[in-house]
């Protein structure tokens, strides 16, 4: 049986995505504030989805660590402070 994951998408507050930790899917949101911070690190004028894609591995790593640490919230919101 193959599992399908929803594709990341731009939402009103940022970009939503799903991570899997310990066979459990967790809905996450990387905030516009966090994406703007990452855009400043990269430089340029990329849109939020381009920034998400450029930093996708780092964003997913942070999300997984927060899930393992037991941070609550649905969706789990990743703010700029997690990327400093």
Protein backbone atom coordinates (compact mmCIF):
# COMPACT_ATOMS: atom_id res chain seq x y z
CA UNK A 1 0.00 0.00 0.00
CA UNK A 2 1.40 3.35 -1.01
CA UNK A 3 0.75 6.47 1.03
CA UNK A 4 0.08 9.78 -0.67
CA UNK A 5 1.23 13.01 0.91
CA UNK A 6 -0.41 16.32 0.15
CA UNK A 7 1.69 18.77 -1.78
CA UNK A 8 2.80 21.97 -0.04
CA UNK A 9 0.56 24.90 -0.85
CA UNK A 10 0.52 28.61 -0.29
CA UNK A 11 -2.04 29.63 2.33
CA UNK A 12 -3.10 32.96 3.78
CA UNK A 13 -0.57 32.69 6.63
CA UNK A 14 2.34 31.02 4.81
CA UNK A 15 2.97 27.62 3.24
CA UNK A 16 1.28 24.48 4.56
CA UNK A 17 2.91 21.06 4.33
CA UNK A 18 2.92 17.67 6.02
CA UNK A 19 5.77 15.83 7.73
CA UNK A 20 5.80 12.21 8.85
CA UNK A 21 7.35 11.39 12.20
CA UNK A 22 7.08 7.90 13.64
CA UNK A 23 4.43 6.84 11.08
CA UNK A 24 2.25 9.80 12.06
CA UNK A 25 1.51 12.65 9.66
CA UNK A 26 1.58 16.14 11.12
CA UNK A 27 0.16 19.21 9.39
CA UNK A 28 2.54 22.17 9.54
CA UNK A 29 2.63 25.81 8.48
CA UNK A 30 5.79 27.79 7.89
CA UNK A 31 4.69 31.36 8.53
CA UNK A 32 5.04 34.26 6.11
CA UNK A 33 7.29 35.88 8.70
CA UNK A 34 9.61 32.87 8.68
CA UNK A 35 9.61 32.74 4.88
CA UNK A 36 10.44 36.46 4.71
CA UNK A 37 13.35 35.85 7.11
CA UNK A 38 14.63 32.99 4.94
CA UNK A 39 14.24 35.14 1.81
CA UNK A 40 16.48 37.78 3.39
CA UNK A 41 19.10 35.10 4.06
CA UNK A 42 19.02 33.99 0.43
CA UNK A 43 18.63 37.42 -1.13
CA UNK A 44 16.48 38.12 -4.15
CA UNK A 45 12.78 38.46 -4.78
CA UNK A 46 11.50 34.87 -4.76
CA UNK A 47 7.87 34.21 -3.92
CA UNK A 48 6.97 32.22 -0.82
CA UNK A 49 6.72 28.86 -2.62
CA UNK A 50 10.15 29.36 -4.22
CA UNK A 51 11.62 30.16 -0.80
CA UNK A 52 9.88 27.11 0.69
CA UNK A 53 11.38 24.90 -2.04
CA UNK A 54 14.87 26.42 -1.60
CA UNK A 55 14.80 25.74 2.17
CA UNK A 56 12.53 22.67 2.15
CA UNK A 57 15.02 20.30 3.80
CA UNK A 58 15.76 22.78 6.59
CA UNK A 59 12.06 23.58 7.12
CA UNK A 60 11.15 19.88 7.32
CA UNK A 61 14.05 19.22 9.70
CA UNK A 62 12.84 21.94 12.06
CA UNK A 63 9.25 20.65 11.85
CA UNK A 64 10.31 17.08 12.67
CA UNK A 65 12.37 18.23 15.67
CA UNK A 66 9.38 20.21 16.98
CA UNK A 67 7.08 17.20 16.61
CA UNK A 68 9.55 14.97 18.47
CA UNK A 69 9.85 17.63 21.19
CA UNK A 70 6.08 17.48 21.67
CA UNK A 71 5.21 20.99 20.49
CA UNK A 72 1.44 21.19 20.11
CA UNK A 73 -0.79 22.98 17.66
CA UNK A 74 -2.75 22.13 14.55
CA UNK A 75 -1.23 23.07 12.29
CA UNK A 76 2.20 23.17 13.90
CA UNK A 77 3.36 26.73 13.18
CA UNK A 78 7.01 27.38 12.38
CA UNK A 79 7.85 31.02 13.02
CA UNK A 80 10.97 33.00 12.14
CA UNK A 81 12.50 32.36 15.59
CA UNK A 82 13.05 28.68 14.64
CA UNK A 83 15.37 29.73 11.79
CA UNK A 84 17.66 32.18 13.57
